[in-house]
Amino acid sequence: MATRPGDPSPEVLAEAAAAFGLLASPARLHLVWALAQGESDVTGLAERVGGALPAVSQHLTKLKLAGLVRSRREGRRQVYFVDADEQAALVDVVHRLVGRLTEQTAPAAPVRGLRGL
């Protein structure tokens, strides 16, 4: 594959594809969406996305290794967050895509006055 000057290297493209591949999981996409709204620990995230603690923890580990989320320790809790400065573009893409799809799949308003027909 020929590249032009200034194009990313094949290694960079492979790393980016892997990061996007991580977001192909609905559970991980939901976690990034939730963390874009505000930081949380794994228990709060598990409750929010409806996942088991071990599964959510595994997803967070993968997202963290890819650099999509970060964490810090607060006492015994590990608090996860999306770095708004580093991941602003990613968060914007997630918001736009999920928001647009949400609008497209929203149920139509019920038609009033047609009861009994």
C-alpha atoms as a PDB file:
ATOM      1  CA  MET A   1       0.000   0.000   0.000  1.00  0.00           C
ATOM      2  CA  ALA A   2       1.498   3.327  -1.073  1.00  0.00           C
ATOM      3  CA  THR A   3       1.285   6.206   1.354  1.00  0.00           C
ATOM      4  CA  ARG A   4       1.724   9.908   0.867  1.00  0.00           C
ATOM      5  CA  PRO A   5       3.953  12.096   3.012  1.00  0.00           C
ATOM      6  CA  GLY A   6       2.093  13.012   6.181  1.00  0.00           C
ATOM      7  CA  ASP A   7      -0.078   9.890   6.141  1.00  0.00           C
ATOM      8  CA  PRO A   8      -0.050   7.856   9.357  1.00  0.00           C
ATOM      9  CA  SER A   9       2.174   4.811   9.457  1.00  0.00           C
ATOM     10  CA  PRO A  10       0.673   1.331   9.129  1.00  0.00           C
ATOM     11  CA  GLU A  11       1.450   0.792  12.836  1.00  0.00           C
ATOM     12  CA  VAL A  12      -0.494   3.894  13.845  1.00  0.00           C
ATOM     13  CA  LEU A  13      -3.424   2.884  11.652  1.00  0.00           C
ATOM     14  CA  ALA A  14      -3.407  -0.611  13.179  1.00  0.00           C
ATOM     15  CA  GLU A  15      -3.436   0.855  16.696  1.00  0.00           C
ATOM     16  CA  ALA A  16      -6.291   3.219  15.799  1.00  0.00           C
ATOM     17  CA  ALA A  17      -8.253   0.354  14.221  1.00  0.00           C
ATOM     18  CA  ALA A  18      -7.781  -1.688  17.390  1.00  0.00           C
ATOM     19  CA  ALA A  19      -9.094   1.204  19.505  1.00  0.00           C
ATOM     20  CA  PHE A  20     -12.132   1.568  17.252  1.00  0.00           C
ATOM     21  CA  GLY A  21     -12.565  -2.203  17.409  1.00  0.00           C
ATOM     22  CA  LEU A  22     -12.869  -1.941  21.178  1.00  0.00           C
ATOM     23  CA  LEU A  23     -15.747   0.483  20.692  1.00  0.00           C
ATOM     24  CA  ALA A  24     -17.513  -2.017  18.425  1.00  0.00           C
ATOM     25  CA  SER A  25     -18.736  -3.720  21.604  1.00  0.00           C
ATOM     26  CA  PRO A  26     -22.065  -2.267  22.779  1.00  0.00           C
ATOM     27  CA  ALA A  27     -20.980  -2.712  26.410  1.00  0.00           C
ATOM     28  CA  ARG A  28     -17.729  -0.798  25.920  1.00  0.00           C
ATOM     29  CA  LEU A  29     -19.434   1.892  23.889  1.00  0.00           C
ATOM     30  CA  HIS A  30     -21.963   2.307  26.704  1.00  0.00           C
ATOM     31  CA  LEU A  31     -19.136   2.591  29.226  1.00  0.00           C
ATOM     32  CA  VAL A  32     -17.413   5.322  27.213  1.00  0.00           C
ATOM     33  CA  TRP A  33     -20.772   7.080  26.823  1.00  0.00           C
ATOM     34  CA  ALA A  34     -21.397   6.897  30.576  1.00  0.00           C
ATOM     35  CA  LEU A  35     -17.885   8.081  31.472  1.00  0.00           C
ATOM     36  CA  ALA A  36     -18.207  10.986  29.052  1.00  0.00           C
ATOM     37  CA  GLN A  37     -21.106  12.122  31.260  1.00  0.00           C
ATOM     38  CA  GLY A  38     -18.958  11.972  34.390  1.00  0.00           C
ATOM     39  CA  GLU A  39     -16.536   9.835  36.318  1.00  0.00           C
ATOM     40  CA  SER A  40     -17.600   6.730  38.201  1.00  0.00           C
ATOM     41  CA  ASP A  41     -16.300   3.652  39.954  1.00  0.00           C
ATOM     42  CA  VAL A  42     -16.845   0.159  38.589  1.00  0.00           C
ATOM     43  CA  THR A  43     -19.865  -0.473  40.850  1.00  0.00           C
ATOM     44  CA  GLY A  44     -21.661   2.628  39.600  1.00  0.00           C
ATOM     45  CA  LEU A  45     -20.840   1.766  36.008  1.00  0.00           C
ATOM     46  CA  ALA A  46     -22.047  -1.824  36.406  1.00  0.00           C
ATOM     47  CA  GLU A  47     -25.362  -0.546  37.769  1.00  0.00           C
ATOM     48  CA  ARG A  48     -25.677   2.026  34.985  1.00  0.00           C
ATOM     49  CA  VAL A  49     -24.926  -0.302  32.076  1.00  0.00           C
ATOM     50  CA  GLY A  50     -26.541  -3.384  33.610  1.00  0.00           C
ATOM     51  CA  GLY A  51     -23.436  -5.532  33.608  1.00  0.00           C
ATOM     52  CA  ALA A  52     -21.788  -7.843  36.083  1.00  0.00           C
ATOM     53  CA  LEU A  53     -18.890  -6.319  38.041  1.00  0.00           C
ATOM     54  CA  PRO A  54     -16.234  -8.707  36.657  1.00  0.00           C
ATOM     55  CA  ALA A  55     -17.346  -8.123  33.055  1.00  0.00           C
ATOM     56  CA  VAL A  56     -17.441  -4.333  33.456  1.00  0.00           C
ATOM     57  CA  SER A  57     -14.031  -4.427  35.122  1.00  0.00           C
ATOM     58  CA  GLN A  58     -12.622  -6.411  32.167  1.00  0.00           C
ATOM     59  CA  HIS A  59     -14.097  -3.953  29.664  1.00  0.00           C
ATOM     60  CA  LEU A  60     -12.639  -1.021  31.590  1.00  0.00           C
ATOM     61  CA  THR A  61      -9.221  -2.660  31.665  1.00  0.00           C
ATOM     62  CA  LYS A  62      -9.248  -3.027  27.882  1.00  0.00           C
ATOM     63  CA  LEU A  63     -10.447   0.547  27.367  1.00  0.00           C
ATOM     64  CA  LYS A  64      -7.765   1.778  29.745  1.00  0.00           C
ATOM     65  CA  LEU A  65      -4.996  -0.186  27.990  1.00  0.00           C
ATOM     66  CA  ALA A  66      -6.106   1.373  24.692  1.00  0.00           C
ATOM     67  CA  GLY A  67      -5.923   4.833  26.257  1.00  0.00           C
ATOM     68  CA  LEU A  68      -9.631   5.507  25.823  1.00  0.00           C
ATOM     69  CA  VAL A  69     -10.343   5.866  29.551  1.00  0.00           C
ATOM     70  CA  ARG A  70      -8.194   6.673  32.557  1.00  0.00           C
ATOM     71  CA  SER A  71      -8.475   5.971  36.257  1.00  0.00           C
ATOM     72  CA  ARG A  72      -7.269   7.171  39.614  1.00  0.00           C
ATOM     73  CA  ARG A  73      -7.405   5.675  43.070  1.00  0.00           C
ATOM     74  CA  GLU A  74      -9.580   7.253  45.751  1.00  0.00           C
ATOM     75  CA  GLY A  75      -9.033   5.263  48.916  1.00  0.00           C
ATOM     76  CA  ARG A  76     -10.141   1.734  48.109  1.00  0.00           C
ATOM     77  CA  ARG A  77     -12.058   2.750  44.983  1.00  0.00           C
ATOM     78  CA  GLN A  78     -10.745   3.008  41.450  1.00  0.00           C
ATOM     79  CA  VAL A  79     -12.489   5.924  39.733  1.00  0.00           C
ATOM     80  CA  TYR A  80     -12.700   5.853  35.939  1.00  0.00           C
ATOM     81  CA  PHE A  81     -13.074   8.834  33.639  1.00  0.00           C
ATOM     82  CA  VAL A  82     -12.595  10.002  30.073  1.00  0.00           C
ATOM     83  CA  ASP A  83      -9.875  12.620  29.827  1.00  0.00           C
ATOM     84  CA  ALA A  84     -11.820  15.468  28.223  1.00  0.00           C
ATOM     85  CA  ASP A  85      -8.694  17.111  26.822  1.00  0.00           C
ATOM     86  CA  GLU A  86      -7.158  13.984  25.311  1.00  0.00           C
ATOM     87  CA  GLN A  87     -10.367  12.302  24.170  1.00  0.00           C
ATOM     88  CA  ALA A  88     -12.547  15.286  23.206  1.00  0.00           C
ATOM     89  CA  ALA A  89     -12.778  14.242  19.554  1.00  0.00           C
ATOM     90  CA  LEU A  90     -13.595  10.635  20.434  1.00  0.00           C
ATOM     91  CA  VAL A  91     -16.274  11.670  22.910  1.00  0.00           C
ATOM     92  CA  ASP A  92     -17.737  14.012  20.301  1.00  0.00           C
ATOM     93  CA  VAL A  93     -17.919  11.191  17.741  1.00  0.00           C
ATOM     94  CA  VAL A  94     -19.571   8.856  20.271  1.00  0.00           C
ATOM     95  CA  HIS A  95     -22.112  11.535  21.290  1.00  0.00           C
ATOM     96  CA  ARG A  96     -22.958  12.426  17.708  1.00  0.00           C
ATOM     97  CA  LEU A  97     -23.308   8.863  16.496  1.00  0.00           C
ATOM     98  CA  VAL A  98     -25.254   7.522  19.477  1.00  0.00           C
ATOM     99  CA  GLY A  99     -27.366  10.685  19.628  1.00  0.00           C
ATOM    100  CA  ARG A 100     -28.243  10.479  15.936  1.00  0.00           C
ATOM    101  CA  LEU A 101     -29.100   6.794  16.183  1.00  0.00           C
ATOM    102  CA  THR A 102     -31.203   7.450  19.271  1.00  0.00           C
ATOM    103  CA  GLU A 103     -33.207  10.061  17.370  1.00  0.00           C
ATOM    104  CA  GLN A 104     -33.694   7.692  14.433  1.00  0.00           C
ATOM    105  CA  THR A 105     -34.967   4.848  16.594  1.00  0.00           C
ATOM    106  CA  ALA A 106     -37.157   6.919  18.923  1.00  0.00           C
ATOM    107  CA  PRO A 107     -40.706   5.601  18.865  1.00  0.00           C
ATOM    108  CA  ALA A 108     -43.123   7.782  17.004  1.00  0.00           C
ATOM    109  CA  ALA A 109     -45.536   9.806  19.095  1.00  0.00           C
ATOM    110  CA  PRO A 110     -48.845   7.994  19.550  1.00  0.00           C
ATOM    111  CA  VAL A 111     -51.642   9.172  17.306  1.00  0.00           C
ATOM    112  CA  ARG A 112     -54.412  10.576  19.438  1.00  0.00           C
ATOM    113  CA  GLY A 113     -58.124  10.329  18.719  1.00  0.00           C
ATOM    114  CA  LEU A 114     -58.053   6.975  16.941  1.00  0.00           C
ATOM    115  CA  ARG A 115     -59.273   4.798  19.780  1.00  0.00           C
ATOM    116  CA  GLY A 116     -61.803   2.182  18.914  1.00  0.00           C
ATOM    117  CA  LEU A 117     -61.110   2.213  15.192  1.00  0.00           C
END
